[in-house]
N, C-alpha and C. Protein backbone atom coordinates (compact mmCIF):
# COMPACT_ATOMS: atom_id res chain seq x y z
N UNK A 1 37.88 81.44 4.63
CA UNK A 1 38.17 80.12 5.16
C UNK A 1 36.89 79.55 5.76
N UNK A 2 36.60 78.32 5.41
CA UNK A 2 35.40 77.64 5.90
C UNK A 2 35.76 76.79 7.11
N UNK A 3 35.08 77.02 8.20
CA UNK A 3 35.33 76.26 9.43
C UNK A 3 34.09 75.44 9.74
N UNK A 4 34.30 74.14 9.92
CA UNK A 4 33.19 73.24 10.22
C UNK A 4 33.09 73.06 11.73
N UNK A 5 31.92 73.32 12.26
CA UNK A 5 31.68 73.08 13.68
C UNK A 5 31.26 71.63 13.86
N UNK A 6 31.60 71.03 14.99
CA UNK A 6 31.17 69.65 15.24
C UNK A 6 29.64 69.55 15.20
N UNK A 7 29.17 68.50 14.59
CA UNK A 7 27.74 68.26 14.49
C UNK A 7 27.38 67.07 15.36
N UNK A 8 26.41 67.24 16.27
CA UNK A 8 26.04 66.07 17.09
C UNK A 8 25.37 65.01 16.22
N UNK A 9 25.69 63.77 16.49
CA UNK A 9 25.09 62.64 15.78
C UNK A 9 24.49 61.70 16.80
N UNK A 10 23.38 61.10 16.46
CA UNK A 10 22.69 60.20 17.36
C UNK A 10 22.58 58.83 16.71
N UNK A 11 22.85 57.78 17.47
CA UNK A 11 22.78 56.41 16.98
C UNK A 11 21.93 55.59 17.92
N UNK A 12 21.13 54.71 17.36
CA UNK A 12 20.31 53.81 18.16
C UNK A 12 20.99 52.44 18.13
N UNK A 13 21.27 51.90 19.31
CA UNK A 13 21.91 50.59 19.40
C UNK A 13 21.19 49.74 20.43
N UNK A 14 21.31 48.45 20.30
CA UNK A 14 20.73 47.55 21.29
C UNK A 14 21.50 47.61 22.60
N UNK A 15 22.82 47.41 22.58
CA UNK A 15 23.55 47.51 23.84
C UNK A 15 23.82 48.97 24.19
N UNK A 16 23.89 49.26 25.47
CA UNK A 16 24.23 50.61 25.91
C UNK A 16 25.75 50.78 25.78
N UNK A 17 26.17 51.67 24.89
CA UNK A 17 27.59 51.88 24.63
C UNK A 17 27.97 53.32 24.93
N UNK A 18 29.21 53.49 25.36
CA UNK A 18 29.72 54.85 25.55
C UNK A 18 30.18 55.38 24.20
N UNK A 19 30.41 56.68 24.13
CA UNK A 19 30.90 57.28 22.88
C UNK A 19 32.25 56.67 22.50
N UNK A 20 33.08 56.38 23.48
CA UNK A 20 34.40 55.80 23.22
C UNK A 20 34.26 54.39 22.61
N UNK A 21 33.27 53.63 23.03
CA UNK A 21 33.04 52.28 22.49
C UNK A 21 32.39 52.35 21.11
N UNK A 22 31.47 53.28 20.94
CA UNK A 22 30.71 53.38 19.69
C UNK A 22 31.53 54.00 18.55
N UNK A 23 32.45 54.89 18.88
CA UNK A 23 33.24 55.59 17.85
C UNK A 23 33.91 54.66 16.86
N UNK A 24 34.70 53.67 17.32
CA UNK A 24 35.36 52.77 16.35
C UNK A 24 34.37 51.97 15.51
N UNK A 25 33.24 51.61 16.08
CA UNK A 25 32.23 50.85 15.33
C UNK A 25 31.68 51.70 14.19
N UNK A 26 31.35 52.94 14.49
CA UNK A 26 30.79 53.84 13.48
C UNK A 26 31.83 54.15 12.41
N UNK A 27 33.07 54.43 12.81
CA UNK A 27 34.13 54.73 11.83
C UNK A 27 34.40 53.52 10.94
N UNK A 28 34.36 52.33 11.51
CA UNK A 28 34.57 51.11 10.74
C UNK A 28 33.47 50.95 9.68
N UNK A 29 32.23 51.20 10.09
CA UNK A 29 31.10 51.11 9.16
C UNK A 29 31.29 52.09 8.00
N UNK A 30 31.64 53.34 8.31
CA UNK A 30 31.78 54.34 7.27
C UNK A 30 32.99 54.09 6.40
N UNK A 31 34.04 53.48 6.94
CA UNK A 31 35.21 53.15 6.12
C UNK A 31 34.82 52.14 5.05
N UNK A 32 34.05 51.13 5.43
CA UNK A 32 33.57 50.13 4.47
C UNK A 32 32.64 50.78 3.46
N UNK A 33 31.71 51.58 3.95
CA UNK A 33 30.74 52.24 3.08
C UNK A 33 31.44 53.16 2.08
N UNK A 34 32.38 53.96 2.56
CA UNK A 34 33.08 54.89 1.67
C UNK A 34 33.94 54.17 0.66
N UNK A 35 34.59 53.08 1.06
CA UNK A 35 35.44 52.35 0.10
C UNK A 35 34.58 51.71 -1.00
N UNK A 36 33.41 51.21 -0.64
CA UNK A 36 32.52 50.64 -1.66
C UNK A 36 32.07 51.71 -2.65
N UNK A 37 31.68 52.88 -2.13
CA UNK A 37 31.25 53.96 -3.02
C UNK A 37 32.39 54.42 -3.92
N UNK A 38 33.62 54.45 -3.38
CA UNK A 38 34.76 54.84 -4.19
C UNK A 38 34.96 53.85 -5.32
N UNK A 39 34.90 52.56 -5.01
CA UNK A 39 35.08 51.53 -6.03
C UNK A 39 33.98 51.64 -7.09
N UNK A 40 32.75 51.79 -6.66
CA UNK A 40 31.65 51.88 -7.62
C UNK A 40 31.80 53.11 -8.51
N UNK A 41 32.31 54.21 -7.95
CA UNK A 41 32.51 55.40 -8.76
C UNK A 41 33.67 55.22 -9.73
N UNK A 42 34.75 54.61 -9.28
CA UNK A 42 35.91 54.44 -10.15
C UNK A 42 35.68 53.38 -11.23
N UNK A 43 35.02 52.28 -10.88
CA UNK A 43 34.82 51.19 -11.83
C UNK A 43 33.63 51.45 -12.75
N UNK A 44 32.53 51.91 -12.17
CA UNK A 44 31.29 52.09 -12.95
C UNK A 44 30.95 53.55 -13.24
N UNK A 45 31.80 54.47 -12.79
CA UNK A 45 31.58 55.91 -13.01
C UNK A 45 30.20 56.34 -12.50
N UNK A 46 29.86 55.93 -11.30
CA UNK A 46 28.54 56.21 -10.73
C UNK A 46 28.21 57.71 -10.70
N UNK A 47 29.19 58.54 -10.37
CA UNK A 47 28.91 59.98 -10.27
C UNK A 47 28.55 60.59 -11.62
N UNK A 48 28.96 59.96 -12.71
CA UNK A 48 28.67 60.48 -14.04
C UNK A 48 27.44 59.83 -14.67
N UNK A 49 26.82 58.93 -13.97
CA UNK A 49 25.69 58.17 -14.51
C UNK A 49 24.50 59.09 -14.78
N UNK A 50 23.94 59.00 -15.97
CA UNK A 50 22.80 59.85 -16.36
C UNK A 50 21.49 59.08 -16.39
N UNK A 51 21.46 57.90 -15.79
CA UNK A 51 20.25 57.07 -15.79
C UNK A 51 19.30 57.63 -14.74
N UNK A 52 18.18 58.21 -15.18
CA UNK A 52 17.31 58.89 -14.24
C UNK A 52 15.81 58.64 -14.44
N UNK A 53 15.43 57.89 -15.45
CA UNK A 53 14.00 57.78 -15.74
C UNK A 53 13.42 56.42 -15.38
N UNK A 54 12.17 56.44 -15.02
CA UNK A 54 11.36 55.26 -14.72
C UNK A 54 12.06 54.31 -13.75
N UNK A 55 12.15 53.03 -14.09
CA UNK A 55 12.72 52.04 -13.18
C UNK A 55 14.22 51.84 -13.37
N UNK A 56 14.80 52.51 -14.35
CA UNK A 56 16.22 52.30 -14.66
C UNK A 56 17.15 52.56 -13.47
N UNK A 57 16.99 53.65 -12.70
CA UNK A 57 17.91 53.85 -11.57
C UNK A 57 17.88 52.70 -10.57
N UNK A 58 16.70 52.21 -10.24
CA UNK A 58 16.58 51.10 -9.28
C UNK A 58 17.18 49.82 -9.87
N UNK A 59 16.93 49.59 -11.16
CA UNK A 59 17.48 48.39 -11.80
C UNK A 59 19.01 48.42 -11.80
N UNK A 60 19.59 49.55 -12.16
CA UNK A 60 21.05 49.64 -12.20
C UNK A 60 21.66 49.63 -10.80
N UNK A 61 20.94 50.16 -9.81
CA UNK A 61 21.42 50.09 -8.43
C UNK A 61 21.50 48.65 -7.96
N UNK A 62 20.64 47.80 -8.47
CA UNK A 62 20.68 46.37 -8.14
C UNK A 62 21.74 45.63 -8.96
N UNK A 63 21.85 45.95 -10.23
CA UNK A 63 22.76 45.22 -11.12
C UNK A 63 24.24 45.55 -10.93
N UNK A 64 24.56 46.80 -10.63
CA UNK A 64 25.97 47.19 -10.52
C UNK A 64 26.72 46.45 -9.42
N UNK A 65 26.18 46.31 -8.20
CA UNK A 65 26.91 45.53 -7.20
C UNK A 65 27.05 44.06 -7.59
N UNK A 66 26.05 43.51 -8.28
CA UNK A 66 26.17 42.13 -8.74
C UNK A 66 27.30 42.02 -9.76
N UNK A 67 27.35 42.95 -10.69
CA UNK A 67 28.43 42.96 -11.69
C UNK A 67 29.78 43.17 -11.02
N UNK A 68 29.82 44.05 -10.02
CA UNK A 68 31.07 44.29 -9.28
C UNK A 68 31.57 43.01 -8.63
N UNK A 69 30.69 42.25 -8.02
CA UNK A 69 31.09 40.99 -7.38
C UNK A 69 31.60 39.98 -8.40
N UNK A 70 30.94 39.87 -9.55
CA UNK A 70 31.40 38.95 -10.59
C UNK A 70 32.77 39.35 -11.11
N UNK A 71 32.95 40.63 -11.36
CA UNK A 71 34.23 41.13 -11.88
C UNK A 71 35.33 40.96 -10.84
N UNK A 72 35.01 41.23 -9.59
CA UNK A 72 36.00 41.12 -8.50
C UNK A 72 36.50 39.69 -8.35
N UNK A 73 35.62 38.72 -8.56
CA UNK A 73 35.99 37.31 -8.39
C UNK A 73 36.63 36.70 -9.64
N UNK A 74 36.67 37.44 -10.72
CA UNK A 74 37.29 36.93 -11.95
C UNK A 74 38.79 36.75 -11.72
N UNK A 75 39.36 35.68 -12.28
CA UNK A 75 40.79 35.45 -12.08
C UNK A 75 41.63 36.50 -12.80
N UNK A 76 42.82 36.71 -12.30
CA UNK A 76 43.74 37.65 -12.94
C UNK A 76 44.07 38.80 -12.03
N UNK A 77 45.08 39.54 -12.43
CA UNK A 77 45.57 40.65 -11.62
C UNK A 77 45.23 42.00 -12.24
N UNK A 78 44.43 42.00 -13.30
CA UNK A 78 44.04 43.26 -13.92
C UNK A 78 43.16 44.06 -12.97
N UNK A 79 43.11 45.37 -13.18
CA UNK A 79 42.27 46.22 -12.35
C UNK A 79 40.80 45.88 -12.60
N UNK A 80 39.96 46.24 -11.65
CA UNK A 80 38.52 46.00 -11.81
C UNK A 80 37.99 46.76 -13.02
N UNK A 81 38.48 47.95 -13.22
CA UNK A 81 38.03 48.75 -14.35
C UNK A 81 38.38 48.07 -15.68
N UNK A 82 39.59 47.53 -15.77
CA UNK A 82 40.00 46.84 -17.00
C UNK A 82 39.20 45.56 -17.18
N UNK A 83 38.97 44.82 -16.10
CA UNK A 83 38.18 43.59 -16.21
C UNK A 83 36.76 43.89 -16.68
N UNK A 84 36.19 45.01 -16.20
CA UNK A 84 34.85 45.41 -16.64
C UNK A 84 34.86 45.67 -18.14
N UNK A 85 35.88 46.37 -18.61
CA UNK A 85 35.96 46.67 -20.04
C UNK A 85 36.16 45.39 -20.86
N UNK A 86 37.01 44.49 -20.38
CA UNK A 86 37.24 43.23 -21.09
C UNK A 86 35.94 42.43 -21.15
N UNK A 87 35.18 42.42 -20.06
CA UNK A 87 33.90 41.71 -20.05
C UNK A 87 32.93 42.30 -21.07
N UNK A 88 33.01 43.61 -21.29
CA UNK A 88 32.15 44.26 -22.28
C UNK A 88 32.59 43.93 -23.70
N UNK A 89 33.88 43.73 -23.90
CA UNK A 89 34.42 43.48 -25.25
C UNK A 89 34.50 42.01 -25.62
N UNK A 90 34.73 41.15 -24.64
CA UNK A 90 35.03 39.74 -24.91
C UNK A 90 33.91 38.85 -24.37
N UNK A 91 33.09 38.33 -25.27
CA UNK A 91 31.95 37.51 -24.86
C UNK A 91 32.38 36.24 -24.12
N UNK A 92 33.52 35.67 -24.49
CA UNK A 92 33.99 34.46 -23.81
C UNK A 92 34.38 34.76 -22.36
N UNK A 93 35.06 35.89 -22.16
CA UNK A 93 35.43 36.28 -20.79
C UNK A 93 34.17 36.56 -19.97
N UNK A 94 33.22 37.26 -20.58
CA UNK A 94 31.96 37.55 -19.89
C UNK A 94 31.25 36.26 -19.49
N UNK A 95 31.16 35.31 -20.41
CA UNK A 95 30.52 34.03 -20.10
C UNK A 95 31.26 33.29 -19.00
N UNK A 96 32.60 33.39 -18.99
CA UNK A 96 33.37 32.67 -17.96
C UNK A 96 33.15 33.26 -16.57
N UNK A 97 33.01 34.59 -16.47
CA UNK A 97 32.80 35.15 -15.12
C UNK A 97 31.36 34.95 -14.65
N UNK A 98 30.43 34.90 -15.58
CA UNK A 98 29.04 34.66 -15.19
C UNK A 98 28.85 33.20 -14.77
N UNK A 99 29.55 32.29 -15.43
CA UNK A 99 29.41 30.85 -15.14
C UNK A 99 30.10 30.42 -13.85
N UNK A 100 30.94 31.24 -13.29
CA UNK A 100 31.68 30.88 -12.06
C UNK A 100 30.74 30.69 -10.91
């Protein structure tokens, strides 16, 4: 059985905050961060990405969130993953979400 011991964490803030005040702020930040990473992994399969050479990783790190925002704002109730696939297959749909 693996037991995790508490790990001290240090944060630099402008206002002087107690641990009780800072806790919800930090948890809120990580909730947003984790949900974004989950979406990027589910929609773009980030964990399976094999792009590793030259400037490609940096380029795709910039392009994927932009594509995510375009797909997210596309009309309809389809999943983000399905909208991404439709944008790849249907040039008219792709043009419509880029032109928005």
